[in-house]
Amino acid sequence: MPQPIDPQTEIGRATVVGRIQQIADRTSLAAQARVAEDSAAIQRNAETLVRQAALKENEVNRELRRRNPFVGRRKKREQGSNKGEDQKARHFYNASEKDVLADDPQDHDFDVEI
């Protein structure tokens, strides 16, 4: 036999369900805010962290230094050997020396109709 419906009990159940949903929403929002704050703090720490360069090996390999004592040092250029190439590479043009590529000067005009 069906039981009678008590309106006060049903209203109380609906109210409890609504409160539980509100509590779940608030805890979810608080967890999201906490995760966002943690990721911002991690990024802030990474950006402000002073990083040191990798140190070179302190000990010099004496055998390699004995075989090739000048490794890692720059060589001086021989004076006069590449003088012709340098002058060609350093030639600058001015406006009067530059050749005109197009025969018709109107080929370079930019025509736009609106």
C-alpha atoms as a PDB file:
ATOM      1  CA  MET A   1       0.000   0.000   0.000  1.00  0.00           C
ATOM      2  CA  PRO A   2       1.399   3.427  -0.947  1.00  0.00           C
ATOM      3  CA  GLN A   3       2.512   5.699   1.838  1.00  0.00           C
ATOM      4  CA  PRO A   4       1.113   9.176   2.091  1.00  0.00           C
ATOM      5  CA  ILE A   5       3.318  12.086   0.963  1.00  0.00           C
ATOM      6  CA  ASP A   6       4.353  14.438   3.728  1.00  0.00           C
ATOM      7  CA  PRO A   7       4.893  17.941   2.225  1.00  0.00           C
ATOM      8  CA  GLN A   8       7.183  19.085   5.029  1.00  0.00           C
ATOM      9  CA  THR A   9       9.482  16.072   4.551  1.00  0.00           C
ATOM     10  CA  GLU A  10       9.663  16.580   0.762  1.00  0.00           C
ATOM     11  CA  ILE A  11      10.417  20.305   1.128  1.00  0.00           C
ATOM     12  CA  GLY A  12      13.134  19.448   3.657  1.00  0.00           C
ATOM     13  CA  ARG A  13      14.683  16.907   1.278  1.00  0.00           C
ATOM     14  CA  ALA A  14      14.680  19.426  -1.603  1.00  0.00           C
ATOM     15  CA  THR A  15      16.275  22.045   0.641  1.00  0.00           C
ATOM     16  CA  VAL A  16      19.006  19.623   1.754  1.00  0.00           C
ATOM     17  CA  VAL A  17      19.750  18.665  -1.874  1.00  0.00           C
ATOM     18  CA  GLY A  18      20.042  22.348  -2.819  1.00  0.00           C
ATOM     19  CA  ARG A  19      22.405  22.998   0.085  1.00  0.00           C
ATOM     20  CA  ILE A  20      24.573  20.020  -0.843  1.00  0.00           C
ATOM     21  CA  GLN A  21      24.812  21.305  -4.423  1.00  0.00           C
ATOM     22  CA  GLN A  22      25.791  24.770  -3.183  1.00  0.00           C
ATOM     23  CA  ILE A  23      28.472  23.286  -0.927  1.00  0.00           C
ATOM     24  CA  ALA A  24      29.849  21.201  -3.829  1.00  0.00           C
ATOM     25  CA  ASP A  25      29.936  24.284  -6.072  1.00  0.00           C
ATOM     26  CA  ARG A  26      31.749  26.344  -3.437  1.00  0.00           C
ATOM     27  CA  THR A  27      34.358  23.647  -2.776  1.00  0.00           C
ATOM     28  CA  SER A  28      34.941  23.238  -6.509  1.00  0.00           C
ATOM     29  CA  LEU A  29      35.378  26.994  -6.931  1.00  0.00           C
ATOM     30  CA  ALA A  30      37.758  27.131  -3.953  1.00  0.00           C
ATOM     31  CA  ALA A  31      39.820  24.263  -5.412  1.00  0.00           C
ATOM     32  CA  GLN A  32      40.026  26.027  -8.778  1.00  0.00           C
ATOM     33  CA  ALA A  33      41.173  29.252  -7.102  1.00  0.00           C
ATOM     34  CA  ARG A  34      43.791  27.329  -5.126  1.00  0.00           C
ATOM     35  CA  VAL A  35      45.146  25.593  -8.246  1.00  0.00           C
ATOM     36  CA  ALA A  36      45.293  28.933 -10.091  1.00  0.00           C
ATOM     37  CA  GLU A  37      47.149  30.553  -7.182  1.00  0.00           C
ATOM     38  CA  ASP A  38      49.598  27.643  -6.973  1.00  0.00           C
ATOM     39  CA  SER A  39      50.364  27.773 -10.702  1.00  0.00           C
ATOM     40  CA  ALA A  40      50.820  31.568 -10.518  1.00  0.00           C
ATOM     41  CA  ALA A  41      53.204  31.143  -7.576  1.00  0.00           C
ATOM     42  CA  ILE A  42      55.185  28.473  -9.448  1.00  0.00           C
ATOM     43  CA  GLN A  43      55.463  30.712 -12.505  1.00  0.00           C
ATOM     44  CA  ARG A  44      56.427  33.712 -10.353  1.00  0.00           C
ATOM     45  CA  ASN A  45      59.155  31.692  -8.648  1.00  0.00           C
ATOM     46  CA  ALA A  46      60.443  30.412 -11.998  1.00  0.00           C
ATOM     47  CA  GLU A  47      60.604  33.933 -13.420  1.00  0.00           C
ATOM     48  CA  THR A  48      62.377  35.426 -10.425  1.00  0.00           C
ATOM     49  CA  LEU A  49      64.805  32.558  -9.909  1.00  0.00           C
ATOM     50  CA  VAL A  50      68.386  33.497 -10.715  1.00  0.00           C
ATOM     51  CA  ARG A  51      69.885  30.805 -12.866  1.00  0.00           C
ATOM     52  CA  GLN A  52      73.604  30.245 -12.961  1.00  0.00           C
ATOM     53  CA  ALA A  53      75.459  29.284 -16.084  1.00  0.00           C
ATOM     54  CA  ALA A  54      77.002  25.865 -16.276  1.00  0.00           C
ATOM     55  CA  LEU A  55      80.514  25.966 -14.931  1.00  0.00           C
ATOM     56  CA  LYS A  56      83.419  24.838 -17.040  1.00  0.00           C
ATOM     57  CA  GLU A  57      85.517  21.969 -15.931  1.00  0.00           C
ATOM     58  CA  ASN A  58      88.161  23.269 -13.528  1.00  0.00           C
ATOM     59  CA  GLU A  59      90.735  20.648 -14.321  1.00  0.00           C
ATOM     60  CA  VAL A  60      92.661  21.137 -17.562  1.00  0.00           C
ATOM     61  CA  ASN A  61      93.444  18.059 -19.591  1.00  0.00           C
ATOM     62  CA  ARG A  62      97.212  18.371 -19.644  1.00  0.00           C
ATOM     63  CA  GLU A  63      97.732  15.792 -22.386  1.00  0.00           C
ATOM     64  CA  LEU A  64      95.513  17.690 -24.835  1.00  0.00           C
ATOM     65  CA  ARG A  65      97.142  20.980 -23.842  1.00  0.00           C
ATOM     66  CA  ARG A  66     100.575  19.454 -24.506  1.00  0.00           C
ATOM     67  CA  ARG A  67      99.573  18.212 -27.972  1.00  0.00           C
ATOM     68  CA  ASN A  68      97.808  21.384 -29.067  1.00  0.00           C
ATOM     69  CA  PRO A  69      98.695  24.320 -26.795  1.00  0.00           C
ATOM     70  CA  PHE A  70      96.874  26.943 -28.901  1.00  0.00           C
ATOM     71  CA  VAL A  71      93.448  25.307 -29.054  1.00  0.00           C
ATOM     72  CA  GLY A  72      90.661  27.789 -28.412  1.00  0.00           C
ATOM     73  CA  ARG A  73      92.742  30.850 -29.216  1.00  0.00           C
ATOM     74  CA  ARG A  74      91.963  33.068 -32.158  1.00  0.00           C
ATOM     75  CA  LYS A  75      94.249  33.206 -35.133  1.00  0.00           C
ATOM     76  CA  LYS A  76      95.387  36.574 -36.413  1.00  0.00           C
ATOM     77  CA  ARG A  77      94.530  37.374 -40.010  1.00  0.00           C
ATOM     78  CA  GLU A  78      97.339  37.758 -42.435  1.00  0.00           C
ATOM     79  CA  GLN A  79      97.503  41.348 -43.579  1.00  0.00           C
ATOM     80  CA  GLY A  80      97.104  41.944 -47.312  1.00  0.00           C
ATOM     81  CA  SER A  81      96.071  38.452 -48.399  1.00  0.00           C
ATOM     82  CA  ASN A  82      92.311  39.062 -48.607  1.00  0.00           C
ATOM     83  CA  LYS A  83      92.411  42.778 -49.346  1.00  0.00           C
ATOM     84  CA  GLY A  84      90.708  42.503 -52.767  1.00  0.00           C
ATOM     85  CA  GLU A  85      87.779  40.499 -51.383  1.00  0.00           C
ATOM     86  CA  ASP A  86      87.289  42.926 -48.518  1.00  0.00           C
ATOM     87  CA  GLN A  87      87.030  45.918 -50.834  1.00  0.00           C
ATOM     88  CA  LYS A  88      84.441  44.177 -53.015  1.00  0.00           C
ATOM     89  CA  ALA A  89      82.372  43.178 -50.011  1.00  0.00           C
ATOM     90  CA  ARG A  90      82.486  46.689 -48.524  1.00  0.00           C
ATOM     91  CA  HIS A  91      81.397  48.592 -51.626  1.00  0.00           C
ATOM     92  CA  PHE A  92      78.340  50.736 -50.837  1.00  0.00           C
ATOM     93  CA  TYR A  93      76.034  52.310 -53.396  1.00  0.00           C
ATOM     94  CA  ASN A  94      74.414  55.668 -53.225  1.00  0.00           C
ATOM     95  CA  ALA A  95      71.217  56.668 -55.023  1.00  0.00           C
ATOM     96  CA  SER A  96      72.966  58.059 -58.109  1.00  0.00           C
ATOM     97  CA  GLU A  97      75.110  54.934 -58.648  1.00  0.00           C
ATOM     98  CA  LYS A  98      72.306  52.389 -58.280  1.00  0.00           C
ATOM     99  CA  ASP A  99      70.973  51.048 -61.596  1.00  0.00           C
ATOM    100  CA  VAL A 100      67.268  51.476 -62.335  1.00  0.00           C
ATOM    101  CA  LEU A 101      65.667  48.103 -62.919  1.00  0.00           C
ATOM    102  CA  ALA A 102      62.489  49.141 -64.758  1.00  0.00           C
ATOM    103  CA  ASP A 103      62.410  51.145 -67.978  1.00  0.00           C
ATOM    104  CA  ASP A 104      59.050  52.752 -67.295  1.00  0.00           C
ATOM    105  CA  PRO A 105      58.927  54.783 -64.046  1.00  0.00           C
ATOM    106  CA  GLN A 106      55.181  54.159 -63.752  1.00  0.00           C
ATOM    107  CA  ASP A 107      55.851  50.449 -63.148  1.00  0.00           C
ATOM    108  CA  HIS A 108      56.841  51.383 -59.605  1.00  0.00           C
ATOM    109  CA  ASP A 109      53.690  53.427 -58.856  1.00  0.00           C
ATOM    110  CA  PHE A 110      51.230  51.852 -56.479  1.00  0.00           C
ATOM    111  CA  ASP A 111      47.693  52.474 -57.754  1.00  0.00           C
ATOM    112  CA  VAL A 112      44.785  51.797 -55.398  1.00  0.00           C
ATOM    113  CA  GLU A 113      41.156  52.632 -56.106  1.00  0.00           C
ATOM    114  CA  ILE A 114      38.651  52.853 -53.284  1.00  0.00           C
END
